Every structure is written in C-alpha cells, then in structure tokens.
Amino acid sequence: MVTSSYHTGWSVPSEHREDPAYRAAGRCMDFALAICERRSALGLSSAELADRAGLSVEEVERIEESDVDPTLELIESLAEALHSGALIDPRATPEFRFESRAA
C-alpha cells in the first residue's frame, strides 16, 4: 500500500552527510538541478545548450541526470553558454546556482 506521505519521513544521519561519497552525490544533483533550471528559464532545449557549450546532447543529458561530476572547466563552459554567473556555496542548499549576469 502506498500512502501520500511516501518518503517524507526519511532522515539522513549526520555522519552520512559528512561522507565524501554522499557530498559528491549531492554536488552532482545540485549541479544538475541548477543547469536544468537555468536552461529552462532561458527557454533552451538540451540540444541548444549542447551546441552553445560545445557538448553533445548526450553529455548534457548525463549532466542533467546527475551523472557528471562538476569540474571547474565544465562549470565555466556551461555558465558561458547559459549567459550566467556560477555561484557555488558549499554551506548553502543547493550548493550551485546559475544566475543572470548583471547588466
């Protein structure tokens, strides 16, 4: 039986939050979300973003599926393609954001 509160009671113990693998997975998810949100805000398809960033559509899809570790080179490339500044703050949730550049 599935209830409407399925998964809402999950709690991650603090010792798991400090695990390097847990933090790496969180970075990938935050990065994927930031890319997807900014791409959608600009009305771009995955193919258009791929073309702007010099990536394949498959690479963009892997990024948006949280399957790519965000390297500095990739962050810079995508920020440029998204006409955005990249904001990274490991103390915040989410850690990544792409915001419109100031005029």
N, C-alpha and C. Protein backbone atom coordinates (compact mmCIF):
# COMPACT_ATOMS: atom_id res chain seq x y z
N MET A 1 0.84 -1.18 0.00
CA MET A 1 0.00 0.00 0.00
C MET A 1 0.89 1.24 0.00
N VAL A 2 0.61 2.17 -0.89
CA VAL A 2 1.37 3.41 -0.99
C VAL A 2 0.53 4.53 -0.39
N THR A 3 1.13 5.30 0.46
CA THR A 3 0.42 6.42 1.07
C THR A 3 0.93 7.72 0.47
N SER A 4 0.22 8.79 0.72
CA SER A 4 0.61 10.09 0.18
C SER A 4 1.88 10.63 0.83
N SER A 5 2.28 10.07 1.94
CA SER A 5 3.48 10.57 2.63
C SER A 5 4.70 9.70 2.36
N TYR A 6 4.67 8.92 1.31
CA TYR A 6 5.78 8.04 0.96
C TYR A 6 7.07 8.84 0.85
N HIS A 7 8.11 8.42 1.50
CA HIS A 7 9.44 9.03 1.53
C HIS A 7 9.55 10.30 2.37
N THR A 8 8.47 10.83 2.85
CA THR A 8 8.56 12.09 3.59
C THR A 8 9.21 11.95 4.95
N GLY A 9 9.31 10.73 5.45
CA GLY A 9 9.89 10.53 6.77
C GLY A 9 11.37 10.20 6.76
N TRP A 10 12.00 10.23 5.58
CA TRP A 10 13.41 9.89 5.51
C TRP A 10 14.25 10.91 6.23
N SER A 11 15.22 10.42 6.97
CA SER A 11 16.15 11.28 7.68
C SER A 11 17.55 10.75 7.44
N VAL A 12 18.47 11.63 7.10
CA VAL A 12 19.85 11.23 6.84
C VAL A 12 20.66 11.52 8.09
N PRO A 13 21.25 10.49 8.69
CA PRO A 13 22.06 10.71 9.89
C PRO A 13 23.23 11.66 9.59
N SER A 14 23.61 12.46 10.54
CA SER A 14 24.65 13.47 10.33
C SER A 14 25.98 12.86 9.88
N GLU A 15 26.30 11.66 10.37
CA GLU A 15 27.57 11.05 9.96
C GLU A 15 27.58 10.72 8.47
N HIS A 16 26.41 10.47 7.89
CA HIS A 16 26.33 10.20 6.45
C HIS A 16 26.49 11.48 5.65
N ARG A 17 26.01 12.58 6.19
CA ARG A 17 26.10 13.87 5.48
C ARG A 17 27.55 14.31 5.30
N GLU A 18 28.43 13.85 6.16
CA GLU A 18 29.84 14.23 6.06
C GLU A 18 30.65 13.25 5.22
N ASP A 19 30.03 12.15 4.81
CA ASP A 19 30.72 11.15 4.00
C ASP A 19 31.05 11.76 2.63
N PRO A 20 32.29 11.62 2.15
CA PRO A 20 32.68 12.21 0.86
C PRO A 20 31.81 11.74 -0.31
N ALA A 21 31.40 10.50 -0.31
CA ALA A 21 30.56 9.99 -1.40
C ALA A 21 29.18 10.65 -1.36
N TYR A 22 28.64 10.84 -0.17
CA TYR A 22 27.34 11.50 -0.02
C TYR A 22 27.43 12.94 -0.50
N ARG A 23 28.50 13.64 -0.11
CA ARG A 23 28.70 15.03 -0.53
C ARG A 23 28.88 15.13 -2.04
N ALA A 24 29.62 14.19 -2.64
CA ALA A 24 29.83 14.20 -4.09
C ALA A 24 28.51 13.98 -4.83
N ALA A 25 27.70 13.06 -4.36
CA ALA A 25 26.41 12.82 -4.99
C ALA A 25 25.52 14.06 -4.87
N GLY A 26 25.56 14.71 -3.74
CA GLY A 26 24.78 15.93 -3.55
C GLY A 26 25.22 17.04 -4.49
N ARG A 27 26.54 17.17 -4.69
CA ARG A 27 27.06 18.18 -5.63
C ARG A 27 26.55 17.91 -7.04
N CYS A 28 26.59 16.65 -7.45
CA CYS A 28 26.11 16.30 -8.79
C CYS A 28 24.63 16.62 -8.96
N MET A 29 23.84 16.32 -7.93
CA MET A 29 22.41 16.61 -8.00
C MET A 29 22.14 18.11 -8.02
N ASP A 30 22.84 18.86 -7.19
CA ASP A 30 22.67 20.32 -7.17
C ASP A 30 23.08 20.93 -8.50
N PHE A 31 24.18 20.45 -9.06
CA PHE A 31 24.66 20.93 -10.35
C PHE A 31 23.63 20.65 -11.44
N ALA A 32 23.11 19.43 -11.46
CA ALA A 32 22.11 19.04 -12.45
C ALA A 32 20.87 19.93 -12.35
N LEU A 33 20.42 20.15 -11.14
CA LEU A 33 19.23 20.98 -10.92
C LEU A 33 19.48 22.42 -11.38
N ALA A 34 20.64 22.96 -11.05
CA ALA A 34 20.97 24.33 -11.44
C ALA A 34 21.02 24.48 -12.96
N ILE A 35 21.60 23.51 -13.65
CA ILE A 35 21.68 23.54 -15.11
C ILE A 35 20.28 23.47 -15.71
N CYS A 36 19.50 22.53 -15.24
CA CYS A 36 18.15 22.34 -15.77
C CYS A 36 17.28 23.58 -15.54
N GLU A 37 17.34 24.14 -14.35
CA GLU A 37 16.53 25.32 -14.03
C GLU A 37 16.92 26.52 -14.89
N ARG A 38 18.22 26.76 -15.05
CA ARG A 38 18.66 27.91 -15.84
C ARG A 38 18.36 27.68 -17.32
N ARG A 39 18.58 26.48 -17.82
CA ARG A 39 18.28 26.17 -19.22
C ARG A 39 16.80 26.38 -19.49
N SER A 40 15.95 25.91 -18.59
CA SER A 40 14.51 26.08 -18.74
C SER A 40 14.11 27.55 -18.67
N ALA A 41 14.72 28.30 -17.76
CA ALA A 41 14.41 29.73 -17.63
C ALA A 41 14.74 30.49 -18.91
N LEU A 42 15.77 30.04 -19.61
CA LEU A 42 16.16 30.68 -20.87
C LEU A 42 15.38 30.13 -22.06
N GLY A 43 14.57 29.10 -21.84
CA GLY A 43 13.79 28.50 -22.91
C GLY A 43 14.63 27.70 -23.90
N LEU A 44 15.75 27.15 -23.42
CA LEU A 44 16.64 26.38 -24.28
C LEU A 44 16.33 24.89 -24.20
N SER A 45 16.48 24.22 -25.31
CA SER A 45 16.40 22.76 -25.31
C SER A 45 17.78 22.20 -24.93
N SER A 46 17.82 20.93 -24.65
CA SER A 46 19.11 20.28 -24.35
C SER A 46 20.04 20.40 -25.55
N ALA A 47 19.50 20.28 -26.76
CA ALA A 47 20.32 20.39 -27.97
C ALA A 47 20.88 21.79 -28.12
N GLU A 48 20.09 22.81 -27.82
CA GLU A 48 20.58 24.18 -27.92
C GLU A 48 21.68 24.46 -26.91
N LEU A 49 21.50 23.96 -25.70
CA LEU A 49 22.55 24.14 -24.68
C LEU A 49 23.81 23.40 -25.10
N ALA A 50 23.65 22.19 -25.58
CA ALA A 50 24.80 21.41 -26.03
C ALA A 50 25.57 22.17 -27.11
N ASP A 51 24.86 22.73 -28.07
CA ASP A 51 25.50 23.48 -29.14
C ASP A 51 26.24 24.69 -28.60
N ARG A 52 25.62 25.44 -27.72
CA ARG A 52 26.25 26.63 -27.12
C ARG A 52 27.50 26.28 -26.32
N ALA A 53 27.46 25.14 -25.63
CA ALA A 53 28.55 24.76 -24.72
C ALA A 53 29.61 23.88 -25.39
N GLY A 54 29.39 23.51 -26.64
CA GLY A 54 30.34 22.64 -27.31
C GLY A 54 30.32 21.22 -26.77
N LEU A 55 29.15 20.78 -26.35
CA LEU A 55 28.96 19.43 -25.81
C LEU A 55 28.02 18.66 -26.71
N SER A 56 27.95 17.37 -26.52
CA SER A 56 26.94 16.57 -27.21
C SER A 56 25.64 16.61 -26.40
N VAL A 57 24.55 16.32 -27.07
CA VAL A 57 23.26 16.25 -26.37
C VAL A 57 23.33 15.18 -25.28
N GLU A 58 24.02 14.09 -25.55
CA GLU A 58 24.16 13.02 -24.56
C GLU A 58 24.89 13.51 -23.32
N GLU A 59 25.92 14.36 -23.51
CA GLU A 59 26.64 14.90 -22.36
C GLU A 59 25.74 15.80 -21.52
N VAL A 60 24.94 16.63 -22.17
CA VAL A 60 24.01 17.50 -21.43
C VAL A 60 23.00 16.65 -20.68
N GLU A 61 22.49 15.62 -21.32
CA GLU A 61 21.53 14.73 -20.65
C GLU A 61 22.17 14.05 -19.44
N ARG A 62 23.41 13.60 -19.56
CA ARG A 62 24.11 12.97 -18.42
C ARG A 62 24.28 13.97 -17.28
N ILE A 63 24.60 15.23 -17.62
CA ILE A 63 24.74 16.27 -16.60
C ILE A 63 23.41 16.44 -15.87
N GLU A 64 22.32 16.55 -16.63
CA GLU A 64 21.00 16.78 -16.02
C GLU A 64 20.45 15.55 -15.30
N GLU A 65 21.07 14.41 -15.51
CA GLU A 65 20.69 13.19 -14.78
C GLU A 65 21.59 12.96 -13.57
N SER A 66 22.38 13.96 -13.20
CA SER A 66 23.29 13.90 -12.04
C SER A 66 24.37 12.86 -12.22
N ASP A 67 24.77 12.61 -13.47
CA ASP A 67 25.73 11.56 -13.75
C ASP A 67 27.12 12.11 -14.10
N VAL A 68 27.34 13.41 -13.83
CA VAL A 68 28.61 14.05 -14.17
C VAL A 68 29.08 14.88 -12.98
N ASP A 69 30.35 14.69 -12.62
CA ASP A 69 30.93 15.48 -11.54
C ASP A 69 31.26 16.87 -12.09
N PRO A 70 30.80 17.93 -11.43
CA PRO A 70 31.03 19.28 -11.95
C PRO A 70 32.48 19.75 -11.78
N THR A 71 33.22 19.72 -12.87
CA THR A 71 34.59 20.23 -12.85
C THR A 71 34.56 21.73 -13.10
N LEU A 72 35.63 22.41 -12.75
CA LEU A 72 35.70 23.84 -12.97
C LEU A 72 35.56 24.18 -14.45
N GLU A 73 36.22 23.43 -15.31
CA GLU A 73 36.13 23.66 -16.75
C GLU A 73 34.69 23.52 -17.25
N LEU A 74 33.97 22.51 -16.78
CA LEU A 74 32.58 22.31 -17.18
C LEU A 74 31.69 23.42 -16.65
N ILE A 75 31.89 23.81 -15.40
CA ILE A 75 31.09 24.89 -14.81
C ILE A 75 31.28 26.18 -15.62
N GLU A 76 32.53 26.50 -15.94
CA GLU A 76 32.81 27.72 -16.72
C GLU A 76 32.16 27.65 -18.10
N SER A 77 32.28 26.52 -18.77
CA SER A 77 31.72 26.35 -20.10
C SER A 77 30.21 26.52 -20.08
N LEU A 78 29.55 25.90 -19.12
CA LEU A 78 28.09 25.97 -19.05
C LEU A 78 27.63 27.35 -18.60
N ALA A 79 28.35 27.98 -17.71
CA ALA A 79 27.99 29.34 -17.29
C ALA A 79 28.03 30.28 -18.49
N GLU A 80 29.05 30.16 -19.31
CA GLU A 80 29.15 30.99 -20.51
C GLU A 80 28.00 30.68 -21.47
N ALA A 81 27.72 29.41 -21.68
CA ALA A 81 26.63 29.01 -22.58
C ALA A 81 25.27 29.47 -22.07
N LEU A 82 25.12 29.56 -20.77
CA LEU A 82 23.85 29.98 -20.16
C LEU A 82 23.81 31.48 -19.89
N HIS A 83 24.83 32.20 -20.37
CA HIS A 83 24.92 33.66 -20.14
C HIS A 83 24.68 33.98 -18.67
N SER A 84 25.40 33.27 -17.83
CA SER A 84 25.16 33.34 -16.39
C SER A 84 26.46 33.38 -15.61
N GLY A 85 26.33 33.79 -14.37
CA GLY A 85 27.40 33.63 -13.41
C GLY A 85 27.13 32.37 -12.63
N ALA A 86 28.17 31.67 -12.26
CA ALA A 86 28.03 30.45 -11.47
C ALA A 86 28.31 30.79 -10.01
N LEU A 87 27.39 30.46 -9.15
CA LEU A 87 27.54 30.68 -7.72
C LEU A 87 27.64 29.34 -7.03
N ILE A 88 28.71 29.16 -6.26
CA ILE A 88 28.94 27.90 -5.56
C ILE A 88 29.16 28.21 -4.09
N ASP A 89 28.33 27.64 -3.24
CA ASP A 89 28.46 27.85 -1.80
C ASP A 89 28.17 26.53 -1.09
N PRO A 90 29.22 25.82 -0.66
CA PRO A 90 29.02 24.53 -0.01
C PRO A 90 28.27 24.60 1.31
N ARG A 91 28.07 25.80 1.84
CA ARG A 91 27.32 25.94 3.09
C ARG A 91 25.83 26.09 2.84
N ALA A 92 25.45 26.30 1.58
CA ALA A 92 24.05 26.52 1.23
C ALA A 92 23.47 25.27 0.58
N THR A 93 22.16 25.23 0.52
CA THR A 93 21.46 24.17 -0.19
C THR A 93 20.48 24.83 -1.14
N PRO A 94 20.56 24.59 -2.41
CA PRO A 94 21.58 23.83 -3.12
C PRO A 94 22.91 24.58 -3.18
N GLU A 95 23.97 23.84 -3.42
CA GLU A 95 25.32 24.43 -3.46
C GLU A 95 25.55 25.25 -4.72
N PHE A 96 24.91 24.90 -5.83
CA PHE A 96 25.13 25.55 -7.12
C PHE A 96 23.92 26.37 -7.53
N ARG A 97 24.20 27.50 -8.17
CA ARG A 97 23.17 28.30 -8.81
C ARG A 97 23.79 28.96 -10.03
N PHE A 98 23.01 29.14 -11.06
CA PHE A 98 23.40 29.93 -12.21
C PHE A 98 22.45 31.09 -12.26
N GLU A 99 23.01 32.30 -12.26
CA GLU A 99 22.17 33.50 -12.26
C GLU A 99 22.55 34.39 -13.41
N SER A 100 21.57 35.11 -13.86
CA SER A 100 21.76 36.08 -14.93
C SER A 100 22.86 37.06 -14.54
N ARG A 101 23.71 37.40 -15.50
CA ARG A 101 24.76 38.38 -15.23
C ARG A 101 24.16 39.76 -15.10
N ALA A 102 24.73 40.57 -14.22
CA ALA A 102 24.26 41.94 -14.06
C ALA A 102 24.56 42.73 -15.34
N ALA A 103 23.64 43.59 -15.70
CA ALA A 103 23.82 44.38 -16.93
C ALA A 103 24.81 45.49 -16.74
